[in-house]
Amino acid sequence: MILLGSEVKSLRDGKCQLEEAYGRVKGETLWLVGCDIAEYPQATVWNHEPRRPRQLLVHKREMVKFIGKAKEKGLTLVPLKLFFNERGIAKCEMALCKGLKLYDKRDRMKKADAKRDMERAIRRRT
């Protein structure tokens, strides 16, 4: 990953959220979009923008693999974790994932509603 100094310090403090992040291919490069790395308080004026796109450094063969699979099968690049290797270099573990279908989302929402209703009924009884 290409990071600024304040981003590295903030990552070492564990101030990163990957919940809404995804990988995007732009031209010949791979970008991490939507990753929220909190501002580092001691950086003051030289702080970074928390949700800026960050370029990922990958080997050419990995890039070709990601581009091909993402375009032909409709898969999405999702970051699983950010970590520092033994040499202190920031790494991002990525995976190719298939998105949920509409009926999968409706089923999950139906189960959540039923669970919420049951919990309300239990609370009212006690």
N, C-alpha and C. Protein backbone atom coordinates (compact mmCIF):
# COMPACT_ATOMS: atom_id res chain seq x y z
N MET A 1 0.84 -1.18 0.00
CA MET A 1 0.00 0.00 0.00
C MET A 1 0.88 1.24 0.00
N ILE A 2 0.40 2.25 -0.65
CA ILE A 2 1.09 3.54 -0.62
C ILE A 2 0.39 4.38 0.44
N LEU A 3 1.11 4.67 1.53
CA LEU A 3 0.54 5.39 2.66
C LEU A 3 1.38 6.61 3.01
N LEU A 4 0.73 7.57 3.66
CA LEU A 4 1.43 8.72 4.20
C LEU A 4 1.91 8.38 5.61
N GLY A 5 2.81 9.19 6.14
CA GLY A 5 3.37 8.93 7.46
C GLY A 5 2.35 8.91 8.57
N SER A 6 1.40 9.85 8.53
CA SER A 6 0.38 9.90 9.58
C SER A 6 -0.56 8.71 9.48
N GLU A 7 -0.76 8.17 8.26
CA GLU A 7 -1.60 6.98 8.09
C GLU A 7 -0.93 5.75 8.72
N VAL A 8 0.37 5.63 8.55
CA VAL A 8 1.10 4.51 9.12
C VAL A 8 1.03 4.56 10.65
N LYS A 9 1.22 5.74 11.22
CA LYS A 9 1.16 5.88 12.67
C LYS A 9 -0.23 5.53 13.19
N SER A 10 -1.26 5.97 12.49
CA SER A 10 -2.62 5.68 12.89
C SER A 10 -2.93 4.19 12.76
N LEU A 11 -2.41 3.54 11.72
CA LEU A 11 -2.59 2.09 11.56
C LEU A 11 -1.91 1.33 12.69
N ARG A 12 -0.74 1.77 13.08
CA ARG A 12 -0.03 1.10 14.17
C ARG A 12 -0.80 1.23 15.50
N ASP A 13 -1.60 2.30 15.63
CA ASP A 13 -2.45 2.46 16.80
C ASP A 13 -3.74 1.65 16.70
N GLY A 14 -3.98 1.03 15.53
CA GLY A 14 -5.18 0.21 15.34
C GLY A 14 -6.41 1.02 14.98
N LYS A 15 -6.26 2.20 14.42
CA LYS A 15 -7.38 3.08 14.11
C LYS A 15 -7.77 2.95 12.63
N CYS A 16 -8.29 1.80 12.24
CA CYS A 16 -8.67 1.56 10.85
C CYS A 16 -9.99 0.79 10.81
N GLN A 17 -10.85 1.16 9.86
CA GLN A 17 -12.11 0.45 9.66
C GLN A 17 -12.20 0.01 8.20
N LEU A 18 -12.41 -1.29 8.00
CA LEU A 18 -12.52 -1.84 6.64
C LEU A 18 -13.96 -2.22 6.29
N GLU A 19 -14.93 -1.81 7.10
CA GLU A 19 -16.30 -2.27 6.93
C GLU A 19 -16.89 -1.93 5.57
N GLU A 20 -16.69 -0.73 5.08
CA GLU A 20 -17.27 -0.31 3.82
C GLU A 20 -16.26 -0.27 2.68
N ALA A 21 -15.08 -0.82 2.90
CA ALA A 21 -14.01 -0.73 1.91
C ALA A 21 -14.15 -1.81 0.83
N TYR A 22 -13.63 -1.50 -0.34
CA TYR A 22 -13.61 -2.45 -1.45
C TYR A 22 -12.46 -2.07 -2.39
N GLY A 23 -12.09 -3.01 -3.24
CA GLY A 23 -11.01 -2.77 -4.19
C GLY A 23 -11.59 -2.35 -5.54
N ARG A 24 -10.92 -1.42 -6.20
CA ARG A 24 -11.37 -0.93 -7.48
C ARG A 24 -10.19 -0.92 -8.45
N VAL A 25 -10.40 -1.39 -9.66
CA VAL A 25 -9.36 -1.38 -10.68
C VAL A 25 -9.55 -0.14 -11.54
N LYS A 26 -8.52 0.71 -11.58
CA LYS A 26 -8.55 1.91 -12.42
C LYS A 26 -7.34 1.86 -13.35
N GLY A 27 -7.60 1.58 -14.60
CA GLY A 27 -6.50 1.48 -15.56
C GLY A 27 -5.63 0.29 -15.25
N GLU A 28 -4.37 0.53 -14.96
CA GLU A 28 -3.41 -0.52 -14.65
C GLU A 28 -3.10 -0.62 -13.17
N THR A 29 -3.89 0.06 -12.32
CA THR A 29 -3.59 0.06 -10.89
C THR A 29 -4.80 -0.42 -10.10
N LEU A 30 -4.54 -0.86 -8.90
CA LEU A 30 -5.57 -1.33 -7.98
C LEU A 30 -5.66 -0.36 -6.82
N TRP A 31 -6.88 0.06 -6.46
CA TRP A 31 -7.09 1.06 -5.43
C TRP A 31 -7.97 0.51 -4.32
N LEU A 32 -7.69 0.90 -3.10
CA LEU A 32 -8.52 0.58 -1.95
C LEU A 32 -9.39 1.80 -1.67
N VAL A 33 -10.70 1.62 -1.84
CA VAL A 33 -11.65 2.73 -1.73
C VAL A 33 -12.53 2.51 -0.50
N GLY A 34 -12.80 3.56 0.24
CA GLY A 34 -13.73 3.50 1.36
C GLY A 34 -13.12 3.06 2.67
N CYS A 35 -11.82 2.83 2.71
CA CYS A 35 -11.15 2.44 3.96
C CYS A 35 -10.98 3.70 4.82
N ASP A 36 -11.38 3.61 6.07
CA ASP A 36 -11.33 4.76 6.95
C ASP A 36 -10.17 4.60 7.94
N ILE A 37 -9.08 5.33 7.69
CA ILE A 37 -7.94 5.37 8.62
C ILE A 37 -8.03 6.70 9.35
N ALA A 38 -8.28 6.65 10.65
CA ALA A 38 -8.50 7.86 11.44
C ALA A 38 -7.28 8.77 11.40
N GLU A 39 -7.54 10.07 11.58
CA GLU A 39 -6.44 11.04 11.62
C GLU A 39 -5.58 10.79 12.85
N TYR A 40 -4.29 11.05 12.69
CA TYR A 40 -3.35 10.90 13.79
C TYR A 40 -3.28 12.23 14.53
N PRO A 41 -3.64 12.27 15.82
CA PRO A 41 -3.77 13.55 16.53
C PRO A 41 -2.48 14.37 16.59
N GLN A 42 -1.32 13.73 16.68
CA GLN A 42 -0.06 14.47 16.79
C GLN A 42 0.44 15.01 15.45
N ALA A 43 -0.19 14.64 14.33
CA ALA A 43 0.27 15.09 13.02
C ALA A 43 -0.15 16.53 12.72
N THR A 44 -1.13 17.05 13.41
CA THR A 44 -1.64 18.42 13.29
C THR A 44 -1.81 18.85 11.84
N VAL A 45 -0.98 19.74 11.35
CA VAL A 45 -1.13 20.33 10.02
C VAL A 45 -0.88 19.31 8.90
N TRP A 46 -0.01 18.34 9.11
CA TRP A 46 0.37 17.40 8.07
C TRP A 46 -0.47 16.13 8.09
N ASN A 47 -1.68 16.22 8.64
CA ASN A 47 -2.54 15.05 8.72
C ASN A 47 -3.08 14.67 7.35
N HIS A 48 -3.63 13.48 7.25
CA HIS A 48 -4.15 12.95 6.00
C HIS A 48 -5.67 13.00 5.98
N GLU A 49 -6.25 12.81 4.81
CA GLU A 49 -7.71 12.71 4.68
C GLU A 49 -8.11 11.28 5.04
N PRO A 50 -9.03 11.08 5.99
CA PRO A 50 -9.32 9.73 6.50
C PRO A 50 -9.84 8.74 5.45
N ARG A 51 -10.68 9.15 4.52
CA ARG A 51 -11.29 8.21 3.60
C ARG A 51 -10.78 8.33 2.16
N ARG A 52 -9.58 8.78 1.99
CA ARG A 52 -9.05 8.95 0.63
C ARG A 52 -8.76 7.59 -0.01
N PRO A 53 -8.84 7.48 -1.34
CA PRO A 53 -8.46 6.22 -2.00
C PRO A 53 -6.96 6.00 -1.87
N ARG A 54 -6.58 4.75 -1.62
CA ARG A 54 -5.16 4.41 -1.46
C ARG A 54 -4.76 3.38 -2.49
N GLN A 55 -3.63 3.61 -3.13
CA GLN A 55 -3.17 2.70 -4.17
C GLN A 55 -2.55 1.46 -3.54
N LEU A 56 -2.91 0.30 -4.10
CA LEU A 56 -2.34 -0.97 -3.65
C LEU A 56 -1.27 -1.41 -4.63
N LEU A 57 -0.16 -1.85 -4.13
CA LEU A 57 0.93 -2.32 -4.97
C LEU A 57 0.84 -3.84 -5.09
N VAL A 58 0.60 -4.32 -6.31
CA VAL A 58 0.48 -5.76 -6.54
C VAL A 58 1.35 -6.16 -7.73
N HIS A 59 1.70 -7.44 -7.77
CA HIS A 59 2.46 -7.95 -8.90
C HIS A 59 1.57 -7.98 -10.15
N LYS A 60 2.19 -7.90 -11.30
CA LYS A 60 1.46 -7.86 -12.56
C LYS A 60 0.56 -9.09 -12.73
N ARG A 61 1.07 -10.27 -12.35
CA ARG A 61 0.27 -11.49 -12.52
C ARG A 61 -0.96 -11.48 -11.61
N GLU A 62 -0.83 -10.92 -10.40
CA GLU A 62 -1.98 -10.79 -9.51
C GLU A 62 -3.00 -9.81 -10.08
N MET A 63 -2.52 -8.72 -10.65
CA MET A 63 -3.40 -7.72 -11.24
C MET A 63 -4.20 -8.31 -12.40
N VAL A 64 -3.55 -9.07 -13.26
CA VAL A 64 -4.23 -9.70 -14.39
C VAL A 64 -5.30 -10.68 -13.88
N LYS A 65 -4.97 -11.43 -12.83
CA LYS A 65 -5.91 -12.39 -12.26
C LYS A 65 -7.13 -11.67 -11.68
N PHE A 66 -6.90 -10.60 -10.91
CA PHE A 66 -7.99 -9.86 -10.30
C PHE A 66 -8.89 -9.21 -11.36
N ILE A 67 -8.28 -8.59 -12.36
CA ILE A 67 -9.06 -7.90 -13.39
C ILE A 67 -9.92 -8.90 -14.16
N GLY A 68 -9.32 -10.02 -14.55
CA GLY A 68 -10.06 -11.01 -15.32
C GLY A 68 -11.25 -11.58 -14.58
N LYS A 69 -11.04 -12.00 -13.35
CA LYS A 69 -12.12 -12.60 -12.57
C LYS A 69 -13.19 -11.59 -12.19
N ALA A 70 -12.78 -10.38 -11.86
CA ALA A 70 -13.75 -9.36 -11.44
C ALA A 70 -14.66 -8.97 -12.60
N LYS A 71 -14.12 -8.92 -13.82
CA LYS A 71 -14.93 -8.49 -14.95
C LYS A 71 -15.79 -9.61 -15.52
N GLU A 72 -15.28 -10.83 -15.61
CA GLU A 72 -16.04 -11.88 -16.27
C GLU A 72 -17.09 -12.52 -15.37
N LYS A 73 -16.87 -12.58 -14.08
CA LYS A 73 -17.81 -13.26 -13.19
C LYS A 73 -18.59 -12.30 -12.30
N GLY A 74 -18.32 -11.01 -12.37
CA GLY A 74 -19.02 -10.05 -11.52
C GLY A 74 -18.65 -10.16 -10.06
N LEU A 75 -17.39 -10.49 -9.79
CA LEU A 75 -16.93 -10.59 -8.41
C LEU A 75 -16.42 -9.24 -7.92
N THR A 76 -16.35 -9.07 -6.61
CA THR A 76 -15.90 -7.83 -6.00
C THR A 76 -14.66 -8.09 -5.17
N LEU A 77 -13.71 -7.16 -5.21
CA LEU A 77 -12.51 -7.25 -4.37
C LEU A 77 -12.82 -6.68 -2.99
N VAL A 78 -12.63 -7.48 -1.96
CA VAL A 78 -12.94 -7.06 -0.60
C VAL A 78 -11.69 -7.21 0.26
N PRO A 79 -11.32 -6.17 1.01
CA PRO A 79 -10.17 -6.30 1.92
C PRO A 79 -10.57 -7.09 3.16
N LEU A 80 -9.76 -8.07 3.52
CA LEU A 80 -10.04 -8.88 4.70
C LEU A 80 -9.34 -8.33 5.94
N LYS A 81 -8.08 -7.94 5.79
CA LYS A 81 -7.36 -7.38 6.94
C LYS A 81 -6.18 -6.55 6.47
N LEU A 82 -5.80 -5.60 7.31
CA LEU A 82 -4.59 -4.80 7.12
C LEU A 82 -3.62 -5.21 8.22
N PHE A 83 -2.35 -5.40 7.85
CA PHE A 83 -1.36 -5.81 8.84
C PHE A 83 0.02 -5.34 8.40
N PHE A 84 0.95 -5.42 9.33
CA PHE A 84 2.35 -5.11 9.04
C PHE A 84 3.12 -6.41 9.04
N ASN A 85 3.93 -6.64 7.98
CA ASN A 85 4.73 -7.86 7.94
C ASN A 85 5.96 -7.72 8.84
N GLU A 86 6.81 -8.74 8.87
CA GLU A 86 7.96 -8.72 9.77
C GLU A 86 8.96 -7.60 9.44
N ARG A 87 8.94 -7.11 8.21
CA ARG A 87 9.83 -6.00 7.84
C ARG A 87 9.21 -4.63 8.11
N GLY A 88 7.97 -4.61 8.61
CA GLY A 88 7.30 -3.35 8.93
C GLY A 88 6.57 -2.72 7.76
N ILE A 89 6.31 -3.48 6.71
CA ILE A 89 5.61 -2.97 5.54
C ILE A 89 4.12 -3.25 5.69
N ALA A 90 3.28 -2.24 5.42
CA ALA A 90 1.83 -2.40 5.53
C ALA A 90 1.32 -3.24 4.37
N LYS A 91 0.54 -4.26 4.69
CA LYS A 91 -0.03 -5.16 3.69
C LYS A 91 -1.54 -5.19 3.84
N CYS A 92 -2.23 -5.47 2.74
CA CYS A 92 -3.68 -5.59 2.76
C CYS A 92 -4.04 -6.92 2.11
N GLU A 93 -4.71 -7.78 2.87
CA GLU A 93 -5.13 -9.07 2.34
C GLU A 93 -6.48 -8.89 1.66
N MET A 94 -6.55 -9.25 0.37
CA MET A 94 -7.77 -9.06 -0.43
C MET A 94 -8.35 -10.41 -0.83
N ALA A 95 -9.66 -10.41 -1.07
CA ALA A 95 -10.34 -11.62 -1.53
C ALA A 95 -11.36 -11.24 -2.60
N LEU A 96 -11.61 -12.17 -3.50
CA LEU A 96 -12.66 -11.99 -4.49
C LEU A 96 -13.94 -12.59 -3.93
N CYS A 97 -15.01 -11.81 -3.88
CA CYS A 97 -16.27 -12.27 -3.29
C CYS A 97 -17.42 -12.02 -4.24
N LYS A 98 -18.41 -12.85 -4.14
CA LYS A 98 -19.62 -12.69 -4.94
C LYS A 98 -20.65 -11.98 -4.08
N GLY A 99 -21.32 -10.99 -4.64
CA GLY A 99 -22.33 -10.23 -3.90
C GLY A 99 -23.59 -11.04 -3.68
N LEU A 100 -24.39 -10.58 -2.73
CA LEU A 100 -25.64 -11.25 -2.43
C LEU A 100 -26.69 -10.95 -3.50
N LYS A 101 -27.53 -11.91 -3.75
CA LYS A 101 -28.67 -11.71 -4.64
C LYS A 101 -29.77 -11.01 -3.85
N LEU A 102 -30.74 -10.46 -4.55
CA LEU A 102 -31.81 -9.73 -3.90
C LEU A 102 -32.59 -10.62 -2.94
N TYR A 103 -32.86 -11.87 -3.35
CA TYR A 103 -33.64 -12.75 -2.50
C TYR A 103 -32.87 -13.14 -1.23
N ASP A 104 -31.53 -13.18 -1.30
CA ASP A 104 -30.73 -13.44 -0.11
C ASP A 104 -30.88 -12.30 0.90
N LYS A 105 -30.89 -11.07 0.40
CA LYS A 105 -31.02 -9.92 1.28
C LYS A 105 -32.39 -9.90 1.94
N ARG A 106 -33.42 -10.22 1.16
CA ARG A 106 -34.78 -10.22 1.72
C ARG A 106 -34.91 -11.29 2.80
N ASP A 107 -34.30 -12.45 2.58
CA ASP A 107 -34.37 -13.53 3.55
C ASP A 107 -33.69 -13.12 4.86
N ARG A 108 -32.54 -12.48 4.75
CA ARG A 108 -31.82 -12.03 5.94
C ARG A 108 -32.63 -10.98 6.70
N MET A 109 -33.26 -10.06 5.96
CA MET A 109 -34.08 -9.03 6.60
C MET A 109 -35.29 -9.65 7.29
N LYS A 110 -35.89 -10.66 6.67
CA LYS A 110 -37.05 -11.33 7.26
C LYS A 110 -36.67 -12.02 8.57
N LYS A 111 -35.52 -12.69 8.60
CA LYS A 111 -35.06 -13.36 9.81
C LYS A 111 -34.76 -12.34 10.92
N ALA A 112 -34.16 -11.20 10.56
CA ALA A 112 -33.85 -10.18 11.55
C ALA A 112 -35.13 -9.59 12.13
N ASP A 113 -36.14 -9.36 11.29
CA ASP A 113 -37.42 -8.84 11.78
C ASP A 113 -38.08 -9.83 12.73
N ALA A 114 -38.06 -11.11 12.38
CA ALA A 114 -38.67 -12.13 13.23
C ALA A 114 -37.96 -12.21 14.58
N LYS A 115 -36.64 -12.14 14.56
CA LYS A 115 -35.87 -12.19 15.80
C LYS A 115 -36.17 -10.98 16.68
N ARG A 116 -36.25 -9.81 16.06
CA ARG A 116 -36.56 -8.58 16.79
C ARG A 116 -37.95 -8.66 17.41
N ASP A 117 -38.93 -9.18 16.67
CA ASP A 117 -40.29 -9.31 17.20
C ASP A 117 -40.33 -10.27 18.38
N MET A 118 -39.58 -11.37 18.28
CA MET A 118 -39.56 -12.33 19.39
C MET A 118 -38.94 -11.71 20.64
N GLU A 119 -37.85 -10.94 20.46
CA GLU A 119 -37.21 -10.30 21.60
C GLU A 119 -38.13 -9.28 22.26
N ARG A 120 -38.90 -8.56 21.45
CA ARG A 120 -39.86 -7.58 22.00
C ARG A 120 -40.94 -8.29 22.79
N ALA A 121 -41.44 -9.40 22.25
CA ALA A 121 -42.49 -10.15 22.93
C ALA A 121 -41.98 -10.70 24.26
N ILE A 122 -40.76 -11.17 24.30
CA ILE A 122 -40.18 -11.69 25.53
C ILE A 122 -40.03 -10.58 26.57
N ARG A 123 -39.58 -9.40 26.13
CA ARG A 123 -39.42 -8.26 27.05
C ARG A 123 -40.76 -7.82 27.62
N ARG A 124 -41.83 -7.86 26.82
CA ARG A 124 -43.15 -7.44 27.30
C ARG A 124 -43.70 -8.40 28.34
N ARG A 125 -43.37 -9.69 28.21
CA ARG A 125 -43.90 -10.70 29.13
C ARG A 125 -43.26 -10.60 30.52
N THR A 126 -42.03 -10.13 30.59
CA THR A 126 -41.35 -10.10 31.89
C THR A 126 -41.52 -8.80 32.61
